[in-house]
């Protein structure tokens, strides 16, 4: 019997599976801070990942709140925007009520217990969209 030969595409797939490792930004599970910066500033996932990594975020872990605030301020400075700390009571206590009060043309980053998300022109790419989690921080990116 003759040996069975693989097609070229099978050999290429095997080579890619062994030798190409996806970016660490794509392999990170606990990346709500990265996704919030990505959505707020319109960056790619990798750019947001490396920006937060440069400000002390470890792979698979969220940064401390102070480090995250400094990273967002640095992102604002890099894009020529300004971060304004808003009073939570003026928007409502939960994500769902705050969404109704947001201006459709503004960008917001919300902090809830153990999670963060952003709204850019009314859009978010987060699972907490429309949830009733209590907000502790709102930053408006102007």
Protein backbone atom coordinates (compact mmCIF):
# COMPACT_ATOMS: atom_id res chain seq x y z
CA UNK A 1 0.00 0.00 0.00
CA UNK A 2 1.13 3.49 -0.72
CA UNK A 3 1.51 6.19 1.88
CA UNK A 4 -1.33 8.68 2.17
CA UNK A 5 -0.09 12.18 1.42
CA UNK A 6 -1.57 15.22 3.12
CA UNK A 7 -2.91 18.10 1.15
CA UNK A 8 -0.97 21.34 1.30
CA UNK A 9 -3.68 23.10 3.30
CA UNK A 10 -3.56 20.41 6.03
CA UNK A 11 0.21 20.79 6.35
CA UNK A 12 -0.14 24.57 6.48
CA UNK A 13 -2.81 24.31 9.20
CA UNK A 14 -0.58 22.01 11.28
CA UNK A 15 2.36 24.40 10.94
CA UNK A 16 0.22 27.40 11.98
CA UNK A 17 -1.24 25.52 14.95
CA UNK A 18 2.23 24.70 16.25
CA UNK A 19 4.29 27.76 15.35
CA UNK A 20 1.94 30.74 15.44
CA UNK A 21 0.94 31.84 18.89
CA UNK A 22 -1.90 34.37 19.05
CA UNK A 23 -1.29 37.71 20.67
CA UNK A 24 -1.50 37.78 24.49
CA UNK A 25 -4.28 40.34 24.13
CA UNK A 26 -6.43 37.69 22.44
CA UNK A 27 -5.65 35.07 25.10
CA UNK A 28 -6.54 37.28 28.08
CA UNK A 29 -9.79 36.42 29.84
CA UNK A 30 -10.13 39.08 32.56
CA UNK A 31 -9.88 42.07 30.26
CA UNK A 32 -12.83 44.33 31.03
CA UNK A 33 -10.49 47.28 31.59
CA UNK A 34 -8.84 46.65 28.23
CA UNK A 35 -12.20 46.44 26.44
CA UNK A 36 -13.40 49.61 28.15
CA UNK A 37 -10.35 51.56 26.94
CA UNK A 38 -10.67 49.97 23.49
CA UNK A 39 -14.29 51.08 23.15
CA UNK A 40 -13.83 54.52 24.72
CA UNK A 41 -10.93 55.58 22.51
CA UNK A 42 -11.65 53.55 19.37
CA UNK A 43 -8.37 51.64 19.65
CA UNK A 44 -7.61 48.09 18.66
CA UNK A 45 -7.65 45.45 21.40
CA UNK A 46 -3.87 45.04 21.17
CA UNK A 47 -3.17 48.77 21.46
CA UNK A 48 -5.40 49.06 24.53
CA UNK A 49 -3.82 45.91 26.02
CA UNK A 50 -0.27 47.21 25.59
CA UNK A 51 -1.23 50.68 26.84
CA UNK A 52 -2.59 49.24 30.09
CA UNK A 53 0.34 46.83 30.31
CA UNK A 54 2.69 49.84 30.18
CA UNK A 55 0.77 51.28 33.15
CA UNK A 56 1.18 48.19 35.35
CA UNK A 57 -1.63 45.83 34.33
CA UNK A 58 -0.62 42.17 34.54
CA UNK A 59 -1.89 39.55 32.07
CA UNK A 60 -5.16 38.03 33.29
CA UNK A 61 -5.57 40.50 36.15
CA UNK A 62 -7.18 43.89 36.40
CA UNK A 63 -5.06 46.86 37.44
CA UNK A 64 -5.52 48.71 40.70
CA UNK A 65 -8.09 51.49 40.43
CA UNK A 66 -5.45 54.23 40.81
CA UNK A 67 -3.26 52.68 38.10
CA UNK A 68 -6.29 52.35 35.84
CA UNK A 69 -7.23 55.99 36.39
CA UNK A 70 -3.68 57.07 35.48
CA UNK A 71 -3.77 54.87 32.36
CA UNK A 72 -7.07 56.42 31.23
CA UNK A 73 -5.70 59.91 31.89
CA UNK A 74 -2.62 59.04 29.81
CA UNK A 75 -4.87 57.72 27.02
CA UNK A 76 -6.83 60.98 27.13
CA UNK A 77 -3.61 62.95 26.90
CA UNK A 78 -2.41 60.83 23.97
CA UNK A 79 -5.63 61.40 22.05
CA UNK A 80 -6.05 65.06 22.99
CA UNK A 81 -9.14 64.49 25.11
CA UNK A 82 -9.99 65.24 28.71
CA UNK A 83 -11.30 63.03 31.52
CA UNK A 84 -14.01 64.60 33.68
CA UNK A 85 -15.08 62.89 36.90
CA UNK A 86 -18.88 63.02 37.03
CA UNK A 87 -21.19 62.85 40.03
CA UNK A 88 -22.85 59.43 40.07
CA UNK A 89 -26.10 60.74 41.56
CA UNK A 90 -26.74 62.94 38.50
CA UNK A 91 -26.96 59.87 36.24
CA UNK A 92 -28.70 57.32 38.46
CA UNK A 93 -27.47 54.53 40.65
CA UNK A 94 -27.35 51.63 38.18
CA UNK A 95 -25.98 51.03 34.69
CA UNK A 96 -29.49 50.78 33.28
CA UNK A 97 -30.65 54.15 34.64
CA UNK A 98 -27.37 55.85 33.72
CA UNK A 99 -27.71 54.65 30.14
CA UNK A 100 -30.97 56.54 29.80
CA UNK A 101 -29.35 59.77 31.03
CA UNK A 102 -26.24 59.57 28.84
CA UNK A 103 -25.83 61.91 25.92
CA UNK A 104 -25.64 59.95 22.69
CA UNK A 105 -22.60 61.85 21.45
CA UNK A 106 -20.43 61.50 24.59
CA UNK A 107 -18.07 58.78 25.84
CA UNK A 108 -18.31 57.43 29.40
CA UNK A 109 -16.33 54.91 31.45
CA UNK A 110 -18.25 53.38 34.34
CA UNK A 111 -16.84 51.62 37.37
CA UNK A 112 -18.94 49.05 39.19
CA UNK A 113 -17.82 46.61 41.85
CA UNK A 114 -15.18 44.35 40.30
CA UNK A 115 -15.92 45.48 36.74
CA UNK A 116 -15.61 48.42 34.36
CA UNK A 117 -17.25 49.22 31.04
CA UNK A 118 -17.50 52.08 28.60
CA UNK A 119 -20.17 53.67 26.44
CA UNK A 120 -19.03 55.40 23.26
CA UNK A 121 -21.87 57.27 21.52
CA UNK A 122 -24.39 55.04 23.27
CA UNK A 123 -22.64 51.77 22.29
CA UNK A 124 -20.88 49.29 24.55
CA UNK A 125 -19.26 45.95 23.80
CA UNK A 126 -19.79 44.62 27.30
CA UNK A 127 -21.97 41.94 28.86
CA UNK A 128 -23.15 44.36 31.57
CA UNK A 129 -25.08 46.50 29.09
CA UNK A 130 -28.48 47.31 30.62
CA UNK A 131 -27.77 45.54 33.90
CA UNK A 132 -28.65 46.83 37.36
CA UNK A 133 -25.17 46.89 38.86
CA UNK A 134 -24.54 49.84 41.17
CA UNK A 135 -22.13 52.41 39.77
CA UNK A 136 -19.38 53.82 41.98
CA UNK A 137 -17.52 55.93 39.37
CA UNK A 138 -18.36 57.73 36.13
CA UNK A 139 -15.71 59.33 33.94
CA UNK A 140 -16.77 61.38 30.93
CA UNK A 141 -14.23 61.55 28.14
CA UNK A 142 -14.64 64.93 26.43
